[in-house]
Structures are given as structure tokens and as C-alpha cells.
Amino acid sequence: MMLDPLAAARRGFMVVIQDTRGRFASEGEWEPFTYEGSDGYDTVRWAAALPGSNGSVGMIGGS
């Protein structure tokens, strides 16, 4: 089962799509298993603080 980001947004959820550093549309150098944890932590904190956010963050993905 995959999450449909457009359907989630239509239901009122804020949707953030992130690529791992250095992969696909993301800048930087890709070094497997090096930055994923800290980058993910920073992203969750950023998303929780966005205007209109209630501070709760859910995640889904291949990892």
C-alpha cells in the first residue's frame, strides 16, 4: 500500500517529500548511511514547526 500524497493533501495533511542528501533532486554528496539520521531529524523538526502544523509528524518511506 502506497501513500498518495495528493490525496493526503486534499484531506488536509501537509505533505513533505524529501530525497536523501545527494540523491535524485537533493543537493550534496551521497554517502550511504552517513547523513540520513541527522537529516531526517532536522526535517521532522522543520516540518513540525511549519505554519499551520500541529506539531505532529508522520513518516512513510522505503527505509
N, C-alpha and C. Protein backbone atom coordinates (compact mmCIF):
# COMPACT_ATOMS: atom_id res chain seq x y z
N MET A 1 0.84 -1.18 0.00
CA MET A 1 0.00 0.00 0.00
C MET A 1 0.88 1.24 0.00
N MET A 2 0.66 2.12 -0.93
CA MET A 2 1.44 3.35 -1.04
C MET A 2 0.59 4.55 -0.62
N LEU A 3 1.24 5.53 -0.07
CA LEU A 3 0.57 6.78 0.29
C LEU A 3 0.42 7.63 -0.97
N ASP A 4 -0.75 8.16 -1.20
CA ASP A 4 -0.98 9.09 -2.30
C ASP A 4 -0.84 10.49 -1.72
N PRO A 5 0.27 11.18 -2.02
CA PRO A 5 0.50 12.49 -1.41
C PRO A 5 -0.57 13.52 -1.78
N LEU A 6 -1.08 13.46 -2.99
CA LEU A 6 -2.13 14.42 -3.38
C LEU A 6 -3.42 14.17 -2.61
N ALA A 7 -3.79 12.91 -2.44
CA ALA A 7 -4.99 12.58 -1.68
C ALA A 7 -4.82 13.00 -0.21
N ALA A 8 -3.63 12.80 0.34
CA ALA A 8 -3.38 13.22 1.72
C ALA A 8 -3.50 14.72 1.87
N ALA A 9 -2.95 15.47 0.91
CA ALA A 9 -3.04 16.93 0.95
C ALA A 9 -4.49 17.38 0.83
N ARG A 10 -5.25 16.72 -0.03
CA ARG A 10 -6.68 17.07 -0.17
C ARG A 10 -7.46 16.83 1.11
N ARG A 11 -6.99 15.92 1.92
CA ARG A 11 -7.66 15.63 3.20
C ARG A 11 -7.16 16.53 4.33
N GLY A 12 -6.27 17.47 4.01
CA GLY A 12 -5.82 18.45 4.99
C GLY A 12 -4.46 18.19 5.60
N PHE A 13 -3.80 17.12 5.17
CA PHE A 13 -2.46 16.85 5.68
C PHE A 13 -1.44 17.68 4.93
N MET A 14 -0.41 18.12 5.65
CA MET A 14 0.73 18.75 5.00
C MET A 14 1.64 17.62 4.53
N VAL A 15 2.11 17.70 3.30
CA VAL A 15 2.93 16.63 2.73
C VAL A 15 4.30 17.20 2.37
N VAL A 16 5.35 16.55 2.84
CA VAL A 16 6.72 16.91 2.51
C VAL A 16 7.36 15.70 1.85
N ILE A 17 7.95 15.88 0.70
CA ILE A 17 8.65 14.79 0.02
C ILE A 17 10.12 15.15 0.00
N GLN A 18 10.94 14.25 0.52
CA GLN A 18 12.37 14.53 0.66
C GLN A 18 13.18 13.40 0.04
N ASP A 19 14.21 13.77 -0.70
CA ASP A 19 15.18 12.81 -1.19
C ASP A 19 16.38 12.81 -0.25
N THR A 20 17.01 11.68 -0.10
CA THR A 20 18.23 11.59 0.70
C THR A 20 19.30 12.51 0.11
N ARG A 21 20.09 13.09 0.96
CA ARG A 21 21.14 14.01 0.52
C ARG A 21 21.97 13.39 -0.62
N GLY A 22 22.07 14.16 -1.71
CA GLY A 22 22.87 13.73 -2.85
C GLY A 22 22.16 12.77 -3.80
N ARG A 23 20.90 12.48 -3.56
CA ARG A 23 20.15 11.55 -4.42
C ARG A 23 19.00 12.27 -5.11
N PHE A 24 18.76 11.92 -6.35
CA PHE A 24 17.64 12.45 -7.14
C PHE A 24 17.64 13.96 -7.14
N ALA A 25 16.64 14.63 -6.57
CA ALA A 25 16.54 16.10 -6.64
C ALA A 25 17.24 16.80 -5.47
N SER A 26 17.92 16.05 -4.61
CA SER A 26 18.56 16.64 -3.44
C SER A 26 20.01 17.02 -3.73
N GLU A 27 20.41 18.14 -3.19
CA GLU A 27 21.79 18.60 -3.36
C GLU A 27 22.73 17.84 -2.44
N GLY A 28 24.03 18.02 -2.64
CA GLY A 28 25.04 17.44 -1.77
C GLY A 28 25.60 16.15 -2.32
N GLU A 29 26.51 15.58 -1.58
CA GLU A 29 27.15 14.32 -1.94
C GLU A 29 26.47 13.18 -1.22
N TRP A 30 26.18 12.12 -1.94
CA TRP A 30 25.55 10.95 -1.33
C TRP A 30 26.61 10.07 -0.70
N GLU A 31 26.50 9.88 0.58
CA GLU A 31 27.36 8.97 1.33
C GLU A 31 26.43 8.06 2.13
N PRO A 32 26.21 6.85 1.64
CA PRO A 32 25.21 5.96 2.28
C PRO A 32 25.41 5.83 3.78
N PHE A 33 24.29 5.90 4.51
CA PHE A 33 24.23 5.68 5.95
C PHE A 33 25.01 6.72 6.77
N THR A 34 25.34 7.86 6.14
CA THR A 34 26.12 8.88 6.84
C THR A 34 25.24 9.99 7.40
N TYR A 35 24.34 10.52 6.59
CA TYR A 35 23.57 11.71 6.97
C TYR A 35 22.08 11.46 7.15
N GLU A 36 21.61 10.27 6.81
CA GLU A 36 20.17 10.03 6.82
C GLU A 36 19.53 10.32 8.18
N GLY A 37 20.13 9.87 9.25
CA GLY A 37 19.57 10.08 10.58
C GLY A 37 19.48 11.54 10.96
N SER A 38 20.57 12.27 10.81
CA SER A 38 20.56 13.68 11.21
C SER A 38 19.72 14.52 10.25
N ASP A 39 19.76 14.21 8.96
CA ASP A 39 18.92 14.95 8.01
C ASP A 39 17.44 14.68 8.28
N GLY A 40 17.09 13.45 8.57
CA GLY A 40 15.71 13.12 8.89
C GLY A 40 15.23 13.83 10.13
N TYR A 41 16.07 13.86 11.15
CA TYR A 41 15.75 14.57 12.40
C TYR A 41 15.49 16.05 12.12
N ASP A 42 16.39 16.66 11.34
CA ASP A 42 16.22 18.08 11.00
C ASP A 42 14.94 18.32 10.22
N THR A 43 14.61 17.41 9.31
CA THR A 43 13.40 17.55 8.51
C THR A 43 12.15 17.46 9.38
N VAL A 44 12.12 16.52 10.31
CA VAL A 44 10.95 16.38 11.20
C VAL A 44 10.78 17.64 12.04
N ARG A 45 11.86 18.16 12.59
CA ARG A 45 11.77 19.39 13.39
C ARG A 45 11.27 20.55 12.53
N TRP A 46 11.78 20.65 11.30
CA TRP A 46 11.36 21.71 10.38
C TRP A 46 9.88 21.58 10.05
N ALA A 47 9.43 20.37 9.70
CA ALA A 47 8.04 20.15 9.34
C ALA A 47 7.11 20.42 10.51
N ALA A 48 7.50 20.04 11.70
CA ALA A 48 6.67 20.25 12.88
C ALA A 48 6.50 21.73 13.20
N ALA A 49 7.45 22.55 12.77
CA ALA A 49 7.41 23.99 13.06
C ALA A 49 6.80 24.82 11.93
N LEU A 50 6.38 24.19 10.83
CA LEU A 50 5.81 24.94 9.72
C LEU A 50 4.51 25.63 10.14
N PRO A 51 4.25 26.81 9.60
CA PRO A 51 2.98 27.47 9.88
C PRO A 51 1.82 26.55 9.48
N GLY A 52 0.85 26.42 10.34
CA GLY A 52 -0.30 25.56 10.07
C GLY A 52 -0.12 24.14 10.58
N SER A 53 1.08 23.79 11.02
CA SER A 53 1.33 22.45 11.54
C SER A 53 0.87 22.36 12.99
N ASN A 54 0.37 21.18 13.38
CA ASN A 54 0.00 20.99 14.78
C ASN A 54 1.16 20.37 15.58
N GLY A 55 2.30 20.20 14.92
CA GLY A 55 3.49 19.66 15.58
C GLY A 55 3.64 18.16 15.47
N SER A 56 2.60 17.47 15.02
CA SER A 56 2.68 16.02 14.84
C SER A 56 3.20 15.71 13.44
N VAL A 57 4.13 14.77 13.36
CA VAL A 57 4.72 14.40 12.08
C VAL A 57 4.67 12.89 11.93
N GLY A 58 4.15 12.42 10.81
CA GLY A 58 4.16 11.01 10.48
C GLY A 58 5.12 10.81 9.31
N MET A 59 5.67 9.63 9.21
CA MET A 59 6.64 9.36 8.15
C MET A 59 6.28 8.05 7.45
N ILE A 60 6.61 8.01 6.16
CA ILE A 60 6.47 6.78 5.39
C ILE A 60 7.57 6.78 4.34
N GLY A 61 8.09 5.63 4.05
CA GLY A 61 9.13 5.58 3.04
C GLY A 61 9.79 4.21 2.96
N GLY A 62 10.70 4.11 2.01
CA GLY A 62 11.37 2.85 1.75
C GLY A 62 12.35 2.44 2.82
N SER A 63 12.78 3.35 3.65
CA SER A 63 13.74 2.99 4.69
C SER A 63 13.00 2.78 5.97
